[in-house]
Protein backbone atom coordinates (compact mmCIF):
# COMPACT_ATOMS: atom_id res chain seq x y z
CA UNK A 1 55.13 121.27 36.92
CA UNK A 2 52.03 119.70 36.19
CA UNK A 3 50.24 117.63 38.91
CA UNK A 4 47.33 115.01 38.45
CA UNK A 5 44.77 113.83 41.19
CA UNK A 6 45.84 110.72 42.71
CA UNK A 7 43.57 109.65 45.50
CA UNK A 8 40.92 111.92 47.27
CA UNK A 9 39.00 111.35 50.38
CA UNK A 10 36.36 113.92 52.09
CA UNK A 11 36.36 114.45 56.04
CA UNK A 12 34.21 116.57 57.50
CA UNK A 13 33.07 117.64 60.88
CA UNK A 14 30.60 115.03 60.90
CA UNK A 15 33.10 112.21 60.88
CA UNK A 16 34.72 114.22 63.97
CA UNK A 17 31.17 114.14 65.77
CA UNK A 18 30.55 110.42 64.80
CA UNK A 19 34.13 109.34 65.97
CA UNK A 20 33.23 111.26 69.31
CA UNK A 21 29.77 109.63 70.12
CA UNK A 22 31.36 106.34 69.02
CA UNK A 23 33.97 106.94 72.04
CA UNK A 24 31.40 107.80 74.48
CA UNK A 25 29.28 104.84 73.84
CA UNK A 26 31.93 102.69 74.57
CA UNK A 27 31.71 100.54 77.45
CA UNK A 28 33.24 102.08 80.29
CA UNK A 29 35.50 100.25 82.63
CA UNK A 30 35.12 99.35 86.22
CA UNK A 31 37.04 100.63 89.21
CA UNK A 32 39.26 97.98 89.39
CA UNK A 33 40.12 98.69 85.61
CA UNK A 34 43.34 100.26 84.58
CA UNK A 35 43.48 104.12 84.19
CA UNK A 36 43.43 104.78 80.55
CA UNK A 37 44.15 108.07 78.38
CA UNK A 38 42.50 107.31 74.62
CA UNK A 39 43.46 109.99 71.68
CA UNK A 40 41.50 109.59 68.48
CA UNK A 41 43.33 111.39 65.56
CA UNK A 42 42.79 111.33 62.00
CA UNK A 43 45.93 111.19 59.84
CA UNK A 44 46.81 110.62 56.17
CA UNK A 45 48.48 107.05 56.21
CA UNK A 46 49.09 105.29 52.69
CA UNK A 47 47.01 108.28 50.82
CA UNK A 48 43.95 108.08 52.74
CA UNK A 49 42.32 109.79 56.04
CA UNK A 50 42.11 107.26 58.23
CA UNK A 51 41.46 107.24 61.85
CA UNK A 52 44.38 106.43 64.58
CA UNK A 53 43.59 105.42 68.03
CA UNK A 54 46.47 106.00 70.60
CA UNK A 55 45.60 104.42 73.82
CA UNK A 56 47.84 104.43 77.04
CA UNK A 57 46.82 102.00 79.67
CA UNK A 58 48.43 101.55 83.13
CA UNK A 59 47.60 99.46 86.37
CA UNK A 60 49.53 98.00 89.19
CA UNK A 61 51.05 95.48 87.02
CA UNK A 62 51.29 96.80 83.45
CA UNK A 63 52.03 100.17 81.73
CA UNK A 64 51.05 99.87 77.92
CA UNK A 65 50.84 101.86 74.76
CA UNK A 66 48.43 100.42 71.55
CA UNK A 67 48.41 102.12 68.54
CA UNK A 68 45.73 101.39 66.42
CA UNK A 69 45.00 102.21 62.61
CA UNK A 70 41.61 101.75 60.80
CA UNK A 71 41.15 100.35 57.49
CA UNK A 72 39.92 103.01 54.98
CA UNK A 73 36.31 101.69 55.26
CA UNK A 74 36.42 101.22 58.93
CA UNK A 75 35.39 97.96 58.82
CA UNK A 76 38.94 96.68 60.08
CA UNK A 77 41.98 97.63 62.80
CA UNK A 78 45.48 97.20 62.48
CA UNK A 79 47.55 97.47 65.74
CA UNK A 80 50.31 97.61 67.56
CA UNK A 81 51.37 97.02 71.14
CA UNK A 82 54.60 98.48 73.25
CA UNK A 83 55.19 98.09 76.92
CA UNK A 84 55.96 100.92 78.71
CA UNK A 85 56.70 99.28 82.23
CA UNK A 86 60.54 99.30 82.91
CA UNK A 87 61.04 95.79 83.08
CA UNK A 88 64.91 94.77 83.49
CA UNK A 89 65.16 92.99 79.93
CA UNK A 90 63.20 95.96 78.24
CA UNK A 91 64.81 98.96 76.57
CA UNK A 92 62.06 102.03 76.70
CA UNK A 93 63.63 102.76 73.32
CA UNK A 94 62.87 100.84 70.65
CA UNK A 95 60.98 99.88 67.08
CA UNK A 96 58.42 97.77 65.63
CA UNK A 97 56.51 97.22 62.54
CA UNK A 98 53.03 96.06 61.72
CA UNK A 99 50.77 96.03 58.19
CA UNK A 100 48.19 98.14 57.33
CA UNK A 101 46.37 96.73 54.23
CA UNK A 102 49.31 95.87 52.66
CA UNK A 103 51.56 99.15 53.57
CA UNK A 104 54.59 98.58 56.36
CA UNK A 105 54.32 101.03 58.86
CA UNK A 106 56.96 101.55 61.57
CA UNK A 107 56.69 102.72 64.83
CA UNK A 108 59.76 104.55 66.73
CA UNK A 109 59.86 105.42 70.52
CA UNK A 110 61.65 106.70 73.22
CA UNK A 111 60.44 106.90 76.67
CA UNK A 112 63.60 106.85 78.63
CA UNK A 113 63.20 110.46 79.83
CA UNK A 114 59.32 110.46 79.67
CA UNK A 115 57.62 112.50 82.87
CA UNK A 116 54.67 111.10 83.89
CA UNK A 117 52.09 113.60 86.46
CA UNK A 118 49.54 111.14 87.55
CA UNK A 119 48.61 109.86 84.21
CA UNK A 120 49.39 107.08 81.91
CA UNK A 121 49.91 109.34 79.16
CA UNK A 122 53.64 111.15 79.27
CA UNK A 123 53.55 115.02 79.80
CA UNK A 124 56.87 115.68 78.30
CA UNK A 125 60.30 114.81 77.47
CA UNK A 126 59.31 111.70 74.81
CA UNK A 127 58.25 111.25 71.43
CA UNK A 128 56.31 107.90 69.68
CA UNK A 129 56.46 108.26 65.83
CA UNK A 130 54.56 106.67 63.17
CA UNK A 131 56.23 106.29 59.72
CA UNK A 132 55.54 105.17 56.26
CA UNK A 133 57.28 105.71 53.39
CA UNK A 134 60.03 107.63 55.06
CA UNK A 135 57.15 110.45 56.20
CA UNK A 136 56.04 110.85 59.95
CA UNK A 137 52.30 110.35 59.56
CA UNK A 138 51.78 111.06 63.64
CA UNK A 139 54.02 112.46 65.97
CA UNK A 140 53.09 112.10 69.52
CA UNK A 141 55.69 113.99 72.20
CA UNK A 142 57.70 116.94 72.67
CA UNK A 143 61.11 115.51 71.09
CA UNK A 144 60.33 116.23 67.70
CA UNK A 145 63.96 117.02 66.55
CA UNK A 146 64.99 113.56 68.04
CA UNK A 147 62.12 111.62 66.53
CA UNK A 148 62.89 112.93 62.91
CA UNK A 149 66.79 112.27 63.29
CA UNK A 150 66.27 108.86 64.69
CA UNK A 151 63.48 107.76 62.14
CA UNK A 152 65.70 109.70 59.28
CA UNK A 153 61.86 110.73 57.77
CA UNK A 154 60.56 114.00 56.82
CA UNK A 155 57.61 115.51 58.48
CA UNK A 156 53.95 115.20 57.12
CA UNK A 157 53.02 117.54 54.57
CA UNK A 158 49.25 117.16 56.11
CA UNK A 159 50.01 117.07 59.95
CA UNK A 160 47.40 114.67 62.00
CA UNK A 161 44.75 116.11 63.75
CA UNK A 162 43.39 115.01 67.24
CA UNK A 163 39.58 115.06 67.19
CA UNK A 164 38.79 113.22 70.38
CA UNK A 165 40.57 112.74 74.27
CA UNK A 166 39.02 110.24 76.33
CA UNK A 167 40.27 109.82 79.67
CA UNK A 168 39.23 107.99 82.67
CA UNK A 169 40.44 109.49 85.89
CA UNK A 170 39.64 108.17 89.80
CA UNK A 171 39.55 110.28 92.69
CA UNK A 172 37.79 110.90 96.08
CA UNK A 173 36.54 114.60 95.76
CA UNK A 174 38.76 115.97 93.04
CA UNK A 175 39.36 115.09 89.52
CA UNK A 176 41.69 116.95 87.17
CA UNK A 177 43.27 116.28 83.79
CA UNK A 178 44.71 118.38 81.10
CA UNK A 179 43.65 119.47 77.21
CA UNK A 180 44.79 122.15 74.63
CA UNK A 181 41.36 123.76 73.32
CA UNK A 182 43.90 126.26 71.13
CA UNK A 183 46.83 124.75 69.26
CA UNK A 184 48.80 128.18 69.56
CA UNK A 185 48.46 128.07 73.09
CA UNK A 186 49.62 125.71 76.23
CA UNK A 187 47.59 123.10 77.66
CA UNK A 188 44.49 124.17 79.71
CA UNK A 189 44.33 122.60 83.23
CA UNK A 190 40.83 121.19 83.99
CA UNK A 191 40.02 120.51 87.60
CA UNK A 192 36.28 119.21 88.49
CA UNK A 193 35.53 119.29 92.55
CA UNK A 194 32.81 117.94 94.10
CA UNK A 195 30.96 117.83 97.28
CA UNK A 196 28.59 114.49 97.64
CA UNK A 197 28.09 111.86 99.65
CA UNK A 198 25.32 110.57 102.34
CA UNK A 199 26.37 113.45 105.00
CA UNK A 200 25.79 116.21 102.36
CA UNK A 201 22.60 117.99 102.18
CA UNK A 202 23.26 120.23 99.59
CA UNK A 203 25.69 118.62 97.15
CA UNK A 204 27.74 120.91 94.86
CA UNK A 205 30.06 120.86 91.99
CA UNK A 206 32.82 123.37 90.82
CA UNK A 207 34.59 123.20 87.53
CA UNK A 208 37.70 125.44 86.95
CA UNK A 209 39.69 125.79 84.05
CA UNK A 210 43.60 127.32 84.80
CA UNK A 211 42.79 127.99 88.26
CA UNK A 212 39.56 130.13 87.80
CA UNK A 213 35.94 128.59 88.77
CA UNK A 214 33.81 128.94 85.60
CA UNK A 215 30.99 126.81 86.39
CA UNK A 216 29.46 126.30 89.95
CA UNK A 217 26.57 124.32 90.24
CA UNK A 218 24.53 124.09 93.43
CA UNK A 219 21.53 121.57 94.30
CA UNK A 220 23.57 119.22 92.73
CA UNK A 221 20.83 116.40 93.13
CA UNK A 222 18.47 118.49 90.98
CA UNK A 223 20.92 119.82 88.34
CA UNK A 224 23.21 116.41 88.03
CA UNK A 225 22.62 116.68 84.09
CA UNK A 226 23.44 120.15 82.41
CA UNK A 227 25.48 122.25 80.02
CA UNK A 228 26.83 125.43 79.76
CA UNK A 229 29.22 127.52 77.65
CA UNK A 230 32.29 129.57 79.17
CA UNK A 231 35.02 131.14 77.85
CA UNK A 232 38.75 130.22 78.02
CA UNK A 233 41.17 132.49 76.70
CA UNK A 234 38.25 134.66 75.02
CA UNK A 235 37.26 131.41 73.21
CA UNK A 236 33.92 129.61 73.96
CA UNK A 237 33.69 125.79 75.45
CA UNK A 238 30.88 123.93 75.81
CA UNK A 239 30.89 121.88 78.95
CA UNK A 240 28.46 119.12 79.14
CA UNK A 241 28.18 117.18 82.47
CA UNK A 242 26.02 114.07 83.76
CA UNK A 243 26.76 113.18 87.39
CA UNK A 244 23.44 110.90 87.97
CA UNK A 245 25.51 107.94 89.21
CA UNK A 246 27.86 109.84 91.86
CA UNK A 247 24.38 110.76 93.14
CA UNK A 248 22.02 107.85 92.63
CA UNK A 249 24.03 104.50 91.83
CA UNK A 250 23.68 103.13 95.11
CA UNK A 251 27.24 101.32 95.09
CA UNK A 252 28.55 104.72 93.66
CA UNK A 253 30.56 102.90 90.90
CA UNK A 254 29.31 104.90 88.00
CA UNK A 255 31.26 107.60 86.67
CA UNK A 256 30.82 111.19 86.41
CA UNK A 257 30.84 112.28 82.38
CA UNK A 258 32.27 115.48 81.23
CA UNK A 259 32.63 116.48 77.71
CA UNK A 260 34.30 119.84 76.75
CA UNK A 261 34.27 121.07 73.46
CA UNK A 262 35.84 124.50 71.97
CA UNK A 263 33.76 126.61 69.99
CA UNK A 264 29.56 127.72 69.90
CA UNK A 265 27.19 125.66 68.72
CA UNK A 266 26.82 125.05 65.25
CA UNK A 267 23.84 124.63 62.89
CA UNK A 268 24.24 121.40 60.68
CA UNK A 269 24.18 123.67 57.92
CA UNK A 270 27.62 125.32 58.81
CA UNK A 271 29.32 121.91 58.66
CA UNK A 272 30.94 121.44 55.06
CA UNK A 273 33.21 118.65 54.22
CA UNK A 274 36.70 119.54 52.97
CA UNK A 275 39.15 117.52 51.24
CA UNK A 276 42.75 116.22 50.86
CA UNK A 277 44.22 114.41 48.05
CA UNK A 278 47.67 113.35 47.53
CA UNK A 279 49.18 114.54 43.92
CA UNK A 280 51.82 112.40 41.43
CA UNK A 281 54.18 115.05 39.90
CA UNK A 282 56.04 114.16 36.38
CA UNK A 283 58.79 112.71 38.33
CA UNK A 284 56.83 110.28 39.88
CA UNK A 285 57.10 112.14 43.45
CA UNK A 286 54.14 112.09 45.69
CA UNK A 287 52.82 115.21 47.67
CA UNK A 288 49.50 116.24 49.43
CA UNK A 289 47.22 118.70 48.27
CA UNK A 290 44.83 120.12 51.04
CA UNK A 291 41.99 122.20 51.12
CA UNK A 292 41.49 121.53 54.80
CA UNK A 293 40.50 124.06 56.79
CA UNK A 294 41.84 123.30 60.80
CA UNK A 295 38.57 125.57 62.18
CA UNK A 296 36.30 123.04 60.47
CA UNK A 297 37.62 120.00 62.91
CA UNK A 298 36.02 119.91 66.49
CA UNK A 299 38.14 118.88 69.39
CA UNK A 300 36.19 117.21 72.22
CA UNK A 301 37.40 116.02 75.59
CA UNK A 302 35.58 113.20 77.08
CA UNK A 303 36.40 112.40 80.68
CA UNK A 304 35.20 109.75 82.90
CA UNK A 305 35.27 110.63 86.90
CA UNK A 306 35.56 107.50 88.93
CA UNK A 307 35.07 108.22 92.70
CA UNK A 308 36.89 106.16 95.42
CA UNK A 309 36.31 105.42 98.84
């Protein structure tokens, strides 16, 4: 069977890096703002790789989910909002549609049994599915079989890739989150413990992953910015931190910034582009041909830690 090229678009690690930089440079909410978790994906939507943002937000009054799909050029966005908080008149299982450059995108979700562990993002027992042309272009959660059954759609031939996760966390001395540094392994638990304050003569900070302290910073007032590469399951992970505002912002309202990036530092010459293109067969059906190498994509966790009294 002969195939001919239909559409193509280059995807590279530089795109992932720029996306991470854009996320880090975004304005950071104040303490009174809602807790948020933002996951930035690249997914093949309507034949092109696009940035897809999934934002979970929670405060005392509201709990919402925002799904945003960028245009091909990145100059416009198309979004869908879902209310997660269980108001009496609202069901935790639902369906919505929105348009992306003339394409009809469907969003299905089931959060009736979703479990939350202190984060606005569910930890298990749920699904959120984006569907286009009977293909699940992005699937969140662990209820995958239920999602395919309900949407009556096939899995994507090229799975969406998580590039950046950004989270705002709040605490007095300890901050925790989870991230998956290796797709073949379970999520890693990350904890940042700190000892700061006016009564502390020697501020310190500890960063542990899966219960093991991998970074211990003494004299934090002199080492409030730094970076170190640690080993997690025999895999190098770069850790960057900036806790200047914890120590010197006066009111202490500024967050500590932490970045976790798996993989050793790479030279620019090692960052090569990869292509994904969809193809049309003789019978008119569409499929995707991929030359993507998952190893060329760099996941990045960005953690903003706010100290509360």
